[in-house]
Amino acid sequence: MKTIAFTLVVMGMVFSEAVAQTEKGRWQIGAQLGNVTYQSDTSNASKSISGSLAPAVGYFIARNLLIGVTVPFSFNATNLKYGADHFNRTIGIGPAVRYYVGQSSFKPFVGISYTYARSYGKWRDLDPVRSESITKGYSRTLAPAIGVAYFINRHVLLSAGLSYNLHHREGESRNTTPTNVVSNRYSEDLKTWSLGIGFAVLLGE
C-alpha cells in the first residue's frame, strides 16, 4: 500500500511539473540553429561557410499556446584562392505561433511563422578582369512547421522541427565591369524544406 501511495505521489509530482512547463504567463527565450555547413574544395582552392540562426522570444497566452517574435539571420561566405569571393546575408523579423501537445516532458508541437527579411549579396572577381556584382532585395516567408520538444526540466528545453517554407523574393542586381554596368530586377517564388535544432529557457512561475 505504501509503495502504491509513493508511486502515485511521484506520478503526481511529475505530472504537475510537466503541466507547469507550458503554463499561461510563462516566457520562452531561445534560438534555433540550422543548415550550418563548412566546405573546403581542394580542386579549385575554395572555402565556404554558411548557416542560419533564429533567436526568438515568446509568451504563453494559454496553456501550451505560445505566441512570439523571431529574428532569423542567415549567411553564406565563399573565398577562392585565385581572387574571387562571395558574401550574402539575410536578416528578418516576424511573428510566430506554436502549440505544444500533451502534458509529458516530450511534447510534439505544430506552429506557423511569417517573416519579412532584407538581403544583401556581393560577388567580386579579379580574374580575368575585375568585376563585381551586388544584389539587394527583400523576401516574405510563410512557414508552417511540426516538431518535438524535450523539456529537460521546467526551465530548459531542446527541440527539433521541420518547416515547409513558402518564399516570395524580389530585388535588384547590379553587375559592374571596367567597361560596363548592367542592372536587373528579379522576382521569384520558392518552396523549400528546412530542419532546425533549437534550445530555449523558460521563465516565470
N, C-alpha and C. Protein backbone atom coordinates (compact mmCIF):
# COMPACT_ATOMS: atom_id res chain seq x y z
N MET A 1 0.82 -1.20 0.00
CA MET A 1 0.00 0.00 0.00
C MET A 1 0.86 1.26 0.00
N LYS A 2 1.94 1.24 0.80
CA LYS A 2 2.85 2.36 0.86
C LYS A 2 3.52 2.58 -0.50
N THR A 3 3.87 1.45 -1.15
CA THR A 3 4.51 1.54 -2.48
C THR A 3 3.58 2.20 -3.49
N ILE A 4 2.31 1.82 -3.47
CA ILE A 4 1.33 2.39 -4.38
C ILE A 4 1.15 3.89 -4.12
N ALA A 5 1.08 4.23 -2.82
CA ALA A 5 0.90 5.64 -2.46
C ALA A 5 2.11 6.46 -2.91
N PHE A 6 3.32 5.90 -2.69
CA PHE A 6 4.54 6.60 -3.09
C PHE A 6 4.58 6.80 -4.60
N THR A 7 4.19 5.76 -5.34
CA THR A 7 4.16 5.84 -6.81
C THR A 7 3.19 6.91 -7.28
N LEU A 8 2.03 6.98 -6.66
CA LEU A 8 1.04 7.99 -7.04
C LEU A 8 1.53 9.40 -6.75
N VAL A 9 2.22 9.55 -5.62
CA VAL A 9 2.77 10.86 -5.28
C VAL A 9 3.81 11.29 -6.30
N VAL A 10 4.73 10.37 -6.65
CA VAL A 10 5.77 10.68 -7.64
C VAL A 10 5.14 11.02 -8.99
N MET A 11 4.15 10.23 -9.41
CA MET A 11 3.48 10.49 -10.68
C MET A 11 2.79 11.85 -10.65
N GLY A 12 2.19 12.18 -9.53
CA GLY A 12 1.54 13.48 -9.41
C GLY A 12 2.52 14.63 -9.50
N MET A 13 3.69 14.46 -8.88
CA MET A 13 4.72 15.50 -8.95
C MET A 13 5.22 15.67 -10.37
N VAL A 14 5.46 14.56 -11.07
CA VAL A 14 5.94 14.62 -12.46
C VAL A 14 4.91 15.27 -13.35
N PHE A 15 3.64 14.90 -13.16
CA PHE A 15 2.56 15.47 -13.98
C PHE A 15 2.45 16.98 -13.73
N SER A 16 2.51 17.39 -12.46
CA SER A 16 2.42 18.81 -12.13
C SER A 16 3.59 19.58 -12.73
N GLU A 17 4.78 18.99 -12.69
CA GLU A 17 5.96 19.62 -13.27
C GLU A 17 5.80 19.79 -14.76
N ALA A 18 5.30 18.74 -15.45
CA ALA A 18 5.12 18.79 -16.90
C ALA A 18 4.10 19.84 -17.29
N VAL A 19 3.00 19.93 -16.53
CA VAL A 19 1.97 20.92 -16.83
C VAL A 19 2.52 22.34 -16.65
N ALA A 20 3.30 22.54 -15.57
CA ALA A 20 3.80 23.87 -15.25
C ALA A 20 4.80 24.38 -16.27
N GLN A 21 5.40 23.48 -17.05
CA GLN A 21 6.39 23.90 -18.03
C GLN A 21 5.81 24.88 -19.05
N THR A 22 4.57 24.66 -19.46
CA THR A 22 3.96 25.48 -20.51
C THR A 22 2.68 26.16 -20.01
N GLU A 23 2.68 26.57 -18.76
CA GLU A 23 1.52 27.25 -18.18
C GLU A 23 1.39 28.67 -18.72
N LYS A 24 0.16 29.18 -18.72
CA LYS A 24 -0.11 30.55 -19.11
C LYS A 24 0.69 31.51 -18.22
N GLY A 25 1.27 32.54 -18.86
CA GLY A 25 2.01 33.54 -18.12
C GLY A 25 3.52 33.35 -18.12
N ARG A 26 4.01 32.23 -18.66
CA ARG A 26 5.45 32.00 -18.69
C ARG A 26 6.05 32.56 -20.00
N TRP A 27 7.36 32.84 -19.96
CA TRP A 27 8.10 33.32 -21.11
C TRP A 27 9.04 32.25 -21.62
N GLN A 28 9.25 32.23 -22.92
CA GLN A 28 10.21 31.30 -23.52
C GLN A 28 11.19 32.10 -24.37
N ILE A 29 12.48 31.97 -24.08
CA ILE A 29 13.53 32.68 -24.81
C ILE A 29 14.54 31.66 -25.33
N GLY A 30 14.80 31.70 -26.63
CA GLY A 30 15.72 30.70 -27.19
C GLY A 30 16.15 31.03 -28.60
N ALA A 31 16.67 30.03 -29.27
CA ALA A 31 17.15 30.20 -30.64
C ALA A 31 17.12 28.85 -31.34
N GLN A 32 16.98 28.91 -32.66
CA GLN A 32 17.02 27.70 -33.48
C GLN A 32 18.18 27.82 -34.45
N LEU A 33 18.98 26.77 -34.53
CA LEU A 33 20.16 26.74 -35.38
C LEU A 33 19.91 25.75 -36.50
N GLY A 34 20.28 26.12 -37.72
CA GLY A 34 20.05 25.20 -38.84
C GLY A 34 21.00 25.43 -40.00
N ASN A 35 21.19 24.38 -40.78
CA ASN A 35 21.93 24.45 -42.05
C ASN A 35 23.35 25.01 -41.92
N VAL A 36 24.04 24.67 -40.86
CA VAL A 36 25.42 25.13 -40.70
C VAL A 36 26.34 24.20 -41.49
N THR A 37 27.10 24.79 -42.42
CA THR A 37 27.95 24.00 -43.31
C THR A 37 29.30 24.67 -43.51
N TYR A 38 30.36 23.88 -43.43
CA TYR A 38 31.70 24.35 -43.80
C TYR A 38 32.24 23.42 -44.86
N GLN A 39 32.76 23.98 -45.93
CA GLN A 39 33.24 23.16 -47.04
C GLN A 39 34.57 23.69 -47.55
N SER A 40 35.51 22.78 -47.76
CA SER A 40 36.80 23.11 -48.34
C SER A 40 36.99 22.24 -49.59
N ASP A 41 37.15 22.92 -50.74
CA ASP A 41 37.28 22.23 -52.02
C ASP A 41 38.70 22.42 -52.55
N THR A 42 39.51 21.38 -52.48
CA THR A 42 40.91 21.49 -52.90
C THR A 42 41.05 21.57 -54.41
N SER A 43 40.06 21.10 -55.17
CA SER A 43 40.16 21.10 -56.63
C SER A 43 40.23 22.51 -57.20
N ASN A 44 39.48 23.45 -56.62
CA ASN A 44 39.56 24.84 -57.09
C ASN A 44 39.96 25.80 -55.97
N ALA A 45 40.55 25.25 -54.91
CA ALA A 45 41.09 26.03 -53.80
C ALA A 45 40.07 27.00 -53.23
N SER A 46 38.91 26.49 -52.87
CA SER A 46 37.87 27.35 -52.31
C SER A 46 37.47 26.88 -50.92
N LYS A 47 37.02 27.83 -50.12
CA LYS A 47 36.49 27.55 -48.80
C LYS A 47 35.18 28.31 -48.63
N SER A 48 34.19 27.67 -48.02
CA SER A 48 32.91 28.33 -47.82
C SER A 48 32.31 27.94 -46.48
N ILE A 49 31.53 28.84 -45.93
CA ILE A 49 30.83 28.58 -44.69
C ILE A 49 29.44 29.21 -44.79
N SER A 50 28.43 28.53 -44.28
CA SER A 50 27.07 29.05 -44.32
C SER A 50 26.31 28.56 -43.10
N GLY A 51 25.24 29.24 -42.77
CA GLY A 51 24.45 28.82 -41.62
C GLY A 51 23.30 29.77 -41.38
N SER A 52 22.45 29.42 -40.43
CA SER A 52 21.33 30.27 -40.07
C SER A 52 21.07 30.17 -38.57
N LEU A 53 20.59 31.26 -38.01
CA LEU A 53 20.28 31.34 -36.58
C LEU A 53 19.00 32.16 -36.43
N ALA A 54 18.08 31.68 -35.61
CA ALA A 54 16.81 32.38 -35.42
C ALA A 54 16.52 32.56 -33.94
N PRO A 55 17.01 33.64 -33.31
CA PRO A 55 16.63 33.95 -31.93
C PRO A 55 15.13 34.25 -31.85
N ALA A 56 14.52 33.92 -30.73
CA ALA A 56 13.08 34.12 -30.58
C ALA A 56 12.72 34.35 -29.12
N VAL A 57 11.65 35.09 -28.92
CA VAL A 57 11.09 35.26 -27.59
C VAL A 57 9.58 35.08 -27.70
N GLY A 58 8.99 34.37 -26.73
CA GLY A 58 7.56 34.11 -26.80
C GLY A 58 6.92 34.14 -25.43
N TYR A 59 5.58 34.21 -25.44
CA TYR A 59 4.80 34.29 -24.21
C TYR A 59 3.63 33.32 -24.31
N PHE A 60 3.41 32.54 -23.27
CA PHE A 60 2.30 31.59 -23.25
C PHE A 60 1.02 32.33 -22.88
N ILE A 61 0.14 32.54 -23.87
CA ILE A 61 -1.13 33.23 -23.60
C ILE A 61 -2.17 32.26 -23.04
N ALA A 62 -1.92 30.97 -23.18
CA ALA A 62 -2.75 29.92 -22.60
C ALA A 62 -1.86 28.69 -22.44
N ARG A 63 -2.33 27.71 -21.69
CA ARG A 63 -1.54 26.50 -21.50
C ARG A 63 -1.19 25.89 -22.87
N ASN A 64 0.10 25.68 -23.10
CA ASN A 64 0.66 25.06 -24.31
C ASN A 64 0.63 25.95 -25.55
N LEU A 65 0.03 27.15 -25.47
CA LEU A 65 -0.08 28.02 -26.65
C LEU A 65 0.87 29.21 -26.51
N LEU A 66 1.85 29.25 -27.40
CA LEU A 66 2.91 30.24 -27.35
C LEU A 66 2.82 31.18 -28.55
N ILE A 67 2.87 32.48 -28.30
CA ILE A 67 2.99 33.45 -29.39
C ILE A 67 4.29 34.22 -29.17
N GLY A 68 4.94 34.61 -30.26
CA GLY A 68 6.21 35.28 -30.08
C GLY A 68 6.71 35.97 -31.33
N VAL A 69 7.96 36.37 -31.27
CA VAL A 69 8.63 37.06 -32.37
C VAL A 69 9.97 36.38 -32.62
N THR A 70 10.29 36.16 -33.90
CA THR A 70 11.59 35.59 -34.27
C THR A 70 12.37 36.61 -35.08
N VAL A 71 13.70 36.52 -35.00
CA VAL A 71 14.60 37.40 -35.76
C VAL A 71 15.61 36.50 -36.49
N PRO A 72 15.20 35.90 -37.61
CA PRO A 72 16.10 34.97 -38.30
C PRO A 72 17.23 35.69 -39.04
N PHE A 73 18.40 35.05 -39.02
CA PHE A 73 19.59 35.58 -39.69
C PHE A 73 20.29 34.43 -40.40
N SER A 74 20.65 34.64 -41.65
CA SER A 74 21.39 33.61 -42.39
C SER A 74 22.53 34.26 -43.16
N PHE A 75 23.55 33.46 -43.46
CA PHE A 75 24.71 33.99 -44.17
C PHE A 75 25.39 32.90 -44.98
N ASN A 76 26.14 33.35 -45.96
CA ASN A 76 26.95 32.45 -46.78
C ASN A 76 28.17 33.22 -47.24
N ALA A 77 29.34 32.64 -47.07
CA ALA A 77 30.58 33.29 -47.49
C ALA A 77 31.48 32.27 -48.18
N THR A 78 32.02 32.65 -49.33
CA THR A 78 32.90 31.78 -50.11
C THR A 78 34.13 32.57 -50.55
N ASN A 79 35.29 31.94 -50.44
CA ASN A 79 36.53 32.56 -50.86
C ASN A 79 37.31 31.60 -51.75
N LEU A 80 37.72 32.10 -52.92
CA LEU A 80 38.52 31.30 -53.84
C LEU A 80 39.93 31.86 -53.89
N LYS A 81 40.91 30.98 -53.94
CA LYS A 81 42.30 31.36 -53.86
C LYS A 81 42.72 32.28 -55.00
N TYR A 82 42.11 32.10 -56.20
CA TYR A 82 42.56 32.87 -57.35
C TYR A 82 42.04 34.32 -57.34
N GLY A 83 41.27 34.71 -56.35
CA GLY A 83 40.91 36.11 -56.23
C GLY A 83 39.44 36.43 -56.33
N ALA A 84 38.58 35.51 -56.01
CA ALA A 84 37.14 35.77 -56.03
C ALA A 84 36.57 35.50 -54.66
N ASP A 85 35.58 36.27 -54.29
CA ASP A 85 34.89 36.00 -53.03
C ASP A 85 33.42 36.38 -53.17
N HIS A 86 32.61 35.70 -52.36
CA HIS A 86 31.17 35.92 -52.40
C HIS A 86 30.66 35.96 -50.97
N PHE A 87 29.73 36.91 -50.73
CA PHE A 87 29.15 37.03 -49.40
C PHE A 87 27.67 37.36 -49.54
N ASN A 88 26.83 36.72 -48.73
CA ASN A 88 25.41 37.01 -48.76
C ASN A 88 24.86 36.90 -47.34
N ARG A 89 24.02 37.85 -46.97
CA ARG A 89 23.39 37.81 -45.64
C ARG A 89 21.93 38.20 -45.76
N THR A 90 21.12 37.64 -44.87
CA THR A 90 19.70 37.95 -44.81
C THR A 90 19.30 38.06 -43.34
N ILE A 91 18.56 39.11 -43.01
CA ILE A 91 18.07 39.27 -41.64
C ILE A 91 16.61 39.71 -41.71
N GLY A 92 15.79 39.13 -40.83
CA GLY A 92 14.37 39.42 -40.88
C GLY A 92 13.74 39.47 -39.50
N ILE A 93 12.43 39.67 -39.48
CA ILE A 93 11.67 39.68 -38.24
C ILE A 93 10.23 39.32 -38.55
N GLY A 94 9.58 38.67 -37.59
CA GLY A 94 8.19 38.31 -37.84
C GLY A 94 7.57 37.55 -36.68
N PRO A 95 6.24 37.45 -36.68
CA PRO A 95 5.52 36.75 -35.61
C PRO A 95 5.53 35.24 -35.80
N ALA A 96 5.33 34.52 -34.71
CA ALA A 96 5.26 33.06 -34.75
C ALA A 96 4.29 32.56 -33.70
N VAL A 97 3.63 31.46 -34.00
CA VAL A 97 2.71 30.82 -33.07
C VAL A 97 3.09 29.34 -32.98
N ARG A 98 3.09 28.80 -31.77
CA ARG A 98 3.40 27.37 -31.59
C ARG A 98 2.46 26.79 -30.53
N TYR A 99 1.97 25.58 -30.82
CA TYR A 99 1.12 24.89 -29.84
C TYR A 99 1.74 23.54 -29.50
N TYR A 100 2.03 23.34 -28.21
CA TYR A 100 2.57 22.08 -27.72
C TYR A 100 1.42 21.13 -27.38
N VAL A 101 1.62 19.87 -27.68
CA VAL A 101 0.57 18.87 -27.47
C VAL A 101 0.96 17.95 -26.32
N GLY A 102 0.03 17.76 -25.37
CA GLY A 102 0.27 16.81 -24.29
C GLY A 102 0.82 17.44 -23.04
N GLN A 103 1.05 16.60 -22.02
CA GLN A 103 1.49 17.05 -20.72
C GLN A 103 2.78 16.38 -20.26
N SER A 104 3.38 15.56 -21.10
CA SER A 104 4.62 14.88 -20.70
C SER A 104 5.83 15.76 -20.99
N SER A 105 7.02 15.28 -20.65
CA SER A 105 8.24 16.03 -20.92
C SER A 105 8.57 16.05 -22.41
N PHE A 106 8.11 15.04 -23.16
CA PHE A 106 8.21 15.04 -24.62
C PHE A 106 6.90 15.59 -25.17
N LYS A 107 6.97 16.71 -25.85
CA LYS A 107 5.76 17.34 -26.37
C LYS A 107 5.90 17.58 -27.87
N PRO A 108 5.11 16.91 -28.70
CA PRO A 108 5.04 17.30 -30.11
C PRO A 108 4.49 18.72 -30.21
N PHE A 109 4.79 19.41 -31.29
CA PHE A 109 4.23 20.74 -31.48
C PHE A 109 3.93 21.01 -32.95
N VAL A 110 3.02 21.91 -33.17
CA VAL A 110 2.74 22.45 -34.51
C VAL A 110 2.85 23.96 -34.40
N GLY A 111 3.22 24.58 -35.51
CA GLY A 111 3.38 26.02 -35.45
C GLY A 111 3.37 26.64 -36.83
N ILE A 112 3.40 27.95 -36.85
CA ILE A 112 3.47 28.68 -38.11
C ILE A 112 4.14 30.02 -37.84
N SER A 113 4.92 30.50 -38.81
CA SER A 113 5.59 31.78 -38.66
C SER A 113 5.54 32.55 -39.97
N TYR A 114 5.65 33.86 -39.85
CA TYR A 114 5.71 34.73 -41.02
C TYR A 114 6.90 35.66 -40.83
N THR A 115 7.72 35.81 -41.87
CA THR A 115 8.93 36.61 -41.75
C THR A 115 9.08 37.56 -42.93
N TYR A 116 9.41 38.80 -42.62
CA TYR A 116 9.83 39.77 -43.63
C TYR A 116 11.33 39.97 -43.45
N ALA A 117 12.10 39.86 -44.54
CA ALA A 117 13.54 39.91 -44.42
C ALA A 117 14.16 40.76 -45.53
N ARG A 118 15.30 41.35 -45.23
CA ARG A 118 16.10 42.07 -46.20
C ARG A 118 17.39 41.31 -46.45
N SER A 119 17.83 41.32 -47.71
CA SER A 119 19.03 40.57 -48.05
C SER A 119 20.04 41.45 -48.80
N TYR A 120 21.30 41.08 -48.67
CA TYR A 120 22.39 41.79 -49.36
C TYR A 120 23.44 40.75 -49.78
N GLY A 121 23.86 40.82 -51.03
CA GLY A 121 24.87 39.90 -51.51
C GLY A 121 25.89 40.62 -52.37
N LYS A 122 27.14 40.15 -52.32
CA LYS A 122 28.21 40.76 -53.11
C LYS A 122 29.14 39.68 -53.64
N TRP A 123 29.42 39.76 -54.94
CA TRP A 123 30.37 38.85 -55.59
C TRP A 123 31.46 39.68 -56.24
N ARG A 124 32.70 39.35 -55.94
CA ARG A 124 33.85 40.08 -56.50
C ARG A 124 34.79 39.09 -57.16
N ASP A 125 35.25 39.43 -58.37
CA ASP A 125 36.13 38.54 -59.14
C ASP A 125 37.26 39.37 -59.75
N LEU A 126 38.50 38.90 -59.62
CA LEU A 126 39.66 39.62 -60.16
C LEU A 126 40.24 38.95 -61.39
N ASP A 127 39.73 37.80 -61.79
CA ASP A 127 40.30 37.04 -62.89
C ASP A 127 39.21 36.67 -63.89
N PRO A 128 39.30 37.02 -65.19
CA PRO A 128 40.46 37.66 -65.84
C PRO A 128 40.49 39.17 -65.72
N VAL A 129 39.30 39.80 -65.44
CA VAL A 129 39.25 41.25 -65.22
C VAL A 129 38.47 41.49 -63.93
N ARG A 130 38.68 42.66 -63.37
CA ARG A 130 37.97 42.99 -62.14
C ARG A 130 36.48 43.19 -62.43
N SER A 131 35.63 42.46 -61.74
CA SER A 131 34.18 42.62 -61.88
C SER A 131 33.53 42.45 -60.52
N GLU A 132 32.35 43.02 -60.42
CA GLU A 132 31.66 43.00 -59.13
C GLU A 132 30.16 42.94 -59.36
N SER A 133 29.47 42.16 -58.54
CA SER A 133 28.02 42.05 -58.63
C SER A 133 27.44 42.26 -57.22
N ILE A 134 26.47 43.16 -57.13
CA ILE A 134 25.80 43.44 -55.86
C ILE A 134 24.31 43.19 -56.01
N THR A 135 23.74 42.47 -55.05
CA THR A 135 22.31 42.16 -55.07
C THR A 135 21.67 42.61 -53.77
N LYS A 136 20.55 43.33 -53.89
CA LYS A 136 19.79 43.77 -52.73
C LYS A 136 18.32 43.43 -52.95
N GLY A 137 17.64 43.05 -51.89
CA GLY A 137 16.23 42.73 -52.06
C GLY A 137 15.54 42.43 -50.75
N TYR A 138 14.33 41.93 -50.86
CA TYR A 138 13.55 41.57 -49.69
C TYR A 138 12.80 40.27 -49.97
N SER A 139 12.33 39.64 -48.91
CA SER A 139 11.57 38.40 -49.06
C SER A 139 10.48 38.34 -48.00
N ARG A 140 9.43 37.59 -48.32
CA ARG A 140 8.36 37.26 -47.37
C ARG A 140 8.25 35.75 -47.32
N THR A 141 8.20 35.20 -46.11
CA THR A 141 8.18 33.75 -45.95
C THR A 141 7.09 33.33 -44.98
N LEU A 142 6.25 32.42 -45.42
CA LEU A 142 5.26 31.78 -44.55
C LEU A 142 5.71 30.35 -44.32
N ALA A 143 5.83 29.92 -43.06
CA ALA A 143 6.44 28.62 -42.77
C ALA A 143 5.66 27.84 -41.72
N PRO A 144 4.73 26.97 -42.12
CA PRO A 144 4.14 26.02 -41.17
C PRO A 144 5.19 24.99 -40.77
N ALA A 145 5.10 24.48 -39.54
CA ALA A 145 6.13 23.57 -39.03
C ALA A 145 5.54 22.55 -38.07
N ILE A 146 6.22 21.43 -37.97
CA ILE A 146 5.92 20.41 -36.96
C ILE A 146 7.24 19.99 -36.32
N GLY A 147 7.15 19.45 -35.10
CA GLY A 147 8.37 19.02 -34.44
C GLY A 147 8.08 18.42 -33.08
N VAL A 148 9.14 18.27 -32.31
CA VAL A 148 9.01 17.72 -30.96
C VAL A 148 9.97 18.46 -30.04
N ALA A 149 9.53 18.70 -28.82
CA ALA A 149 10.36 19.36 -27.81
C ALA A 149 10.54 18.44 -26.62
N TYR A 150 11.74 18.45 -26.07
CA TYR A 150 12.03 17.71 -24.85
C TYR A 150 12.34 18.69 -23.73
N PHE A 151 11.49 18.70 -22.71
CA PHE A 151 11.66 19.59 -21.57
C PHE A 151 12.56 18.89 -20.54
N ILE A 152 13.83 19.30 -20.50
CA ILE A 152 14.78 18.70 -19.57
C ILE A 152 14.32 18.92 -18.13
N ASN A 153 13.82 20.10 -17.86
CA ASN A 153 13.17 20.42 -16.59
C ASN A 153 12.20 21.57 -16.88
N ARG A 154 11.67 22.22 -15.87
CA ARG A 154 10.67 23.25 -16.13
C ARG A 154 11.27 24.56 -16.64
N HIS A 155 12.60 24.60 -16.77
CA HIS A 155 13.25 25.83 -17.21
C HIS A 155 14.07 25.67 -18.50
N VAL A 156 14.27 24.46 -18.99
CA VAL A 156 15.13 24.24 -20.16
C VAL A 156 14.48 23.24 -21.10
N LEU A 157 14.54 23.53 -22.41
CA LEU A 157 14.03 22.57 -23.39
C LEU A 157 14.93 22.52 -24.62
N LEU A 158 14.91 21.37 -25.27
CA LEU A 158 15.55 21.17 -26.57
C LEU A 158 14.46 20.82 -27.58
N SER A 159 14.62 21.21 -28.83
CA SER A 159 13.59 20.92 -29.82
C SER A 159 14.20 20.65 -31.18
N ALA A 160 13.43 19.95 -32.00
CA ALA A 160 13.80 19.70 -33.40
C ALA A 160 12.53 19.87 -34.22
N GLY A 161 12.61 20.66 -35.29
CA GLY A 161 11.42 20.94 -36.08
C GLY A 161 11.69 20.93 -37.57
N LEU A 162 10.67 20.56 -38.33
CA LEU A 162 10.73 20.54 -39.79
C LEU A 162 9.71 21.54 -40.31
N SER A 163 10.15 22.49 -41.14
CA SER A 163 9.24 23.51 -41.67
C SER A 163 9.21 23.47 -43.19
N TYR A 164 8.05 23.83 -43.71
CA TYR A 164 7.84 23.94 -45.16
C TYR A 164 7.72 25.43 -45.47
N ASN A 165 8.68 25.97 -46.22
CA ASN A 165 8.81 27.40 -46.37
C ASN A 165 8.32 27.88 -47.73
N LEU A 166 7.38 28.81 -47.71
CA LEU A 166 6.85 29.41 -48.92
C LEU A 166 7.44 30.81 -49.04
N HIS A 167 8.41 30.97 -49.96
CA HIS A 167 9.14 32.23 -50.10
C HIS A 167 8.64 33.03 -51.30
N HIS A 168 8.61 34.34 -51.14
CA HIS A 168 8.49 35.26 -52.27
C HIS A 168 9.63 36.26 -52.15
N ARG A 169 10.45 36.39 -53.21
CA ARG A 169 11.61 37.26 -53.15
C ARG A 169 11.59 38.25 -54.31
N GLU A 170 12.00 39.47 -54.03
CA GLU A 170 12.14 40.50 -55.05
C GLU A 170 13.39 41.32 -54.75
N GLY A 171 14.00 41.86 -55.81
CA GLY A 171 15.17 42.69 -55.60
C GLY A 171 15.80 43.11 -56.90
N GLU A 172 17.02 43.63 -56.78
CA GLU A 172 17.77 44.13 -57.93
C GLU A 172 19.23 43.72 -57.81
N SER A 173 19.81 43.35 -58.94
CA SER A 173 21.24 43.04 -59.00
C SER A 173 21.93 44.02 -59.95
N ARG A 174 23.16 44.38 -59.63
CA ARG A 174 23.94 45.30 -60.45
C ARG A 174 25.32 44.69 -60.71
N ASN A 175 25.63 44.46 -61.97
CA ASN A 175 26.90 43.87 -62.36
C ASN A 175 27.80 44.96 -62.95
N THR A 176 29.00 45.08 -62.41
CA THR A 176 29.92 46.14 -62.81
C THR A 176 31.24 45.55 -63.30
N THR A 177 31.68 45.99 -64.49
CA THR A 177 32.99 45.64 -65.03
C THR A 177 33.69 46.95 -65.39
N PRO A 178 34.98 46.91 -65.76
CA PRO A 178 35.68 48.16 -66.13
C PRO A 178 35.02 48.90 -67.30
N THR A 179 34.20 48.22 -68.10
CA THR A 179 33.63 48.86 -69.28
C THR A 179 32.10 48.90 -69.30
N ASN A 180 31.46 48.34 -68.30
CA ASN A 180 30.01 48.22 -68.42
C ASN A 180 29.36 48.07 -67.04
N VAL A 181 28.10 48.56 -66.93
CA VAL A 181 27.28 48.38 -65.74
C VAL A 181 25.90 47.92 -66.19
N VAL A 182 25.45 46.78 -65.66
CA VAL A 182 24.16 46.21 -66.04
C VAL A 182 23.34 45.97 -64.78
N SER A 183 22.10 46.48 -64.80
CA SER A 183 21.20 46.28 -63.67
C SER A 183 20.00 45.43 -64.10
N ASN A 184 19.58 44.53 -63.22
CA ASN A 184 18.43 43.67 -63.50
C ASN A 184 17.59 43.53 -62.24
N ARG A 185 16.28 43.49 -62.44
CA ARG A 185 15.38 43.21 -61.33
C ARG A 185 14.94 41.75 -61.40
N TYR A 186 14.64 41.17 -60.21
CA TYR A 186 14.20 39.78 -60.17
C TYR A 186 13.01 39.64 -59.24
N SER A 187 12.20 38.64 -59.49
CA SER A 187 11.06 38.29 -58.66
C SER A 187 10.84 36.80 -58.80
N GLU A 188 10.76 36.09 -57.69
CA GLU A 188 10.61 34.64 -57.76
C GLU A 188 9.89 34.11 -56.53
N ASP A 189 9.27 32.96 -56.72
CA ASP A 189 8.61 32.24 -55.64
C ASP A 189 9.29 30.88 -55.47
N LEU A 190 9.60 30.53 -54.24
CA LEU A 190 10.31 29.29 -53.94
C LEU A 190 9.58 28.52 -52.86
N LYS A 191 9.75 27.20 -52.88
CA LYS A 191 9.24 26.33 -51.83
C LYS A 191 10.39 25.45 -51.36
N THR A 192 10.69 25.48 -50.07
CA THR A 192 11.80 24.71 -49.54
C THR A 192 11.41 24.05 -48.23
N TRP A 193 12.19 23.03 -47.85
CA TRP A 193 12.08 22.38 -46.54
C TRP A 193 13.31 22.72 -45.72
N SER A 194 13.16 22.87 -44.42
CA SER A 194 14.32 23.09 -43.56
C SER A 194 14.14 22.39 -42.22
N LEU A 195 15.25 21.90 -41.70
CA LEU A 195 15.28 21.22 -40.41
C LEU A 195 16.10 22.06 -39.45
N GLY A 196 15.54 22.36 -38.28
CA GLY A 196 16.24 23.17 -37.31
C GLY A 196 16.28 22.53 -35.94
N ILE A 197 17.37 22.78 -35.21
CA ILE A 197 17.56 22.31 -33.84
C ILE A 197 17.51 23.52 -32.91
N GLY A 198 16.68 23.45 -31.87
CA GLY A 198 16.50 24.61 -31.02
C GLY A 198 16.81 24.36 -29.56
N PHE A 199 17.05 25.47 -28.85
CA PHE A 199 17.31 25.47 -27.41
C PHE A 199 16.58 26.66 -26.81
N ALA A 200 15.97 26.49 -25.65
CA ALA A 200 15.25 27.60 -25.04
C ALA A 200 15.24 27.47 -23.53
N VAL A 201 15.08 28.60 -22.87
CA VAL A 201 14.87 28.64 -21.42
C VAL A 201 13.48 29.22 -21.16
N LEU A 202 12.85 28.77 -20.09
CA LEU A 202 11.51 29.22 -19.73
C LEU A 202 11.58 29.98 -18.42
N LEU A 203 10.91 31.13 -18.39
CA LEU A 203 10.95 31.99 -17.22
C LEU A 203 9.55 32.18 -16.68
N GLY A 204 9.46 32.49 -15.41
CA GLY A 204 8.17 32.71 -14.76
C GLY A 204 7.75 31.53 -13.92
N GLU A 205 6.66 31.71 -13.21
CA GLU A 205 6.18 30.68 -12.30
C GLU A 205 5.52 29.53 -13.04
